[in-house]
Protein backbone atom coordinates (compact mmCIF):
# COMPACT_ATOMS: atom_id res chain seq x y z
CA UNK A 1 -5.30 -6.54 -8.55
CA UNK A 2 -2.81 -3.45 -7.79
CA UNK A 3 -4.22 -0.93 -5.98
CA UNK A 4 -3.70 2.66 -5.95
CA UNK A 5 -4.05 4.07 -2.67
CA UNK A 6 -3.44 8.39 -2.95
CA UNK A 7 -2.49 9.35 0.71
CA UNK A 8 -3.91 13.39 1.86
CA UNK A 9 -0.32 14.64 1.74
CA UNK A 10 0.07 13.14 -2.12
CA UNK A 11 -3.86 14.58 -3.14
CA UNK A 12 -2.67 18.09 -0.71
CA UNK A 13 0.85 18.15 -2.87
CA UNK A 14 -0.44 17.78 -6.41
CA UNK A 15 -3.61 20.54 -5.45
CA UNK A 16 -0.12 23.00 -4.36
CA UNK A 17 1.80 22.23 -7.47
CA UNK A 18 -1.75 22.62 -9.27
CA UNK A 19 -1.95 25.79 -7.92
CA UNK A 20 1.76 27.01 -7.68
CA UNK A 21 1.85 26.23 -12.19
CA UNK A 22 -1.24 27.77 -12.53
CA UNK A 23 0.00 30.95 -11.40
CA UNK A 24 1.88 31.18 -14.54
CA UNK A 25 0.05 28.57 -16.71
CA UNK A 26 -3.85 26.79 -16.01
CA UNK A 27 -3.37 25.22 -18.95
CA UNK A 28 -0.36 23.65 -18.30
CA UNK A 29 -0.77 23.14 -14.14
CA UNK A 30 -3.40 21.29 -15.35
CA UNK A 31 -0.86 19.04 -18.17
CA UNK A 32 1.22 18.23 -15.31
CA UNK A 33 -1.39 17.35 -12.60
CA UNK A 34 -3.13 15.40 -15.47
CA UNK A 35 -0.08 13.69 -15.66
CA UNK A 36 1.57 13.29 -12.08
CA UNK A 37 -1.95 11.74 -11.18
CA UNK A 38 -2.01 9.03 -14.48
CA UNK A 39 0.75 7.83 -14.91
CA UNK A 40 1.35 5.94 -11.39
CA UNK A 41 -1.90 3.72 -13.40
CA UNK A 42 0.47 1.86 -14.50
CA UNK A 43 1.05 0.02 -12.04
CA UNK A 44 -2.33 -1.67 -12.37
CA UNK A 45 -1.42 -3.18 -15.81
CA UNK A 46 2.38 -3.88 -14.79
CA UNK A 47 2.60 -3.94 -11.15
CA UNK A 48 6.06 -4.71 -10.98
CA UNK A 49 7.18 -2.12 -12.71
CA UNK A 50 9.88 -0.45 -11.27
CA UNK A 51 13.05 -0.38 -9.40
CA UNK A 52 13.41 -2.62 -5.88
CA UNK A 53 13.70 -0.93 -3.57
CA UNK A 54 17.34 -1.96 -1.25
CA UNK A 55 15.83 -1.36 2.37
CA UNK A 56 12.30 -4.15 0.93
CA UNK A 57 14.36 -7.07 2.20
CA UNK A 58 15.54 -6.05 4.93
CA UNK A 59 12.27 -6.57 7.07
C-alpha cells in the first residue's frame, strides 16, 4: 500500500497557490487546489504510474 505524505512546504505552496488564484477567482482557486491535492491519490491504486527518474538507479 502506498502512503502519500505531504510535506509542510508542499502544503504551504498549495495554500499560497490558492491565495494567489483566489485574488481573481475564489471558485477557480478552490478548483485548482483541490485538483492539485487530489491528483496524487492515483498513486494509492497505481503506485507504478509515471516515469522512472534516471537518478533513482544511481544510488
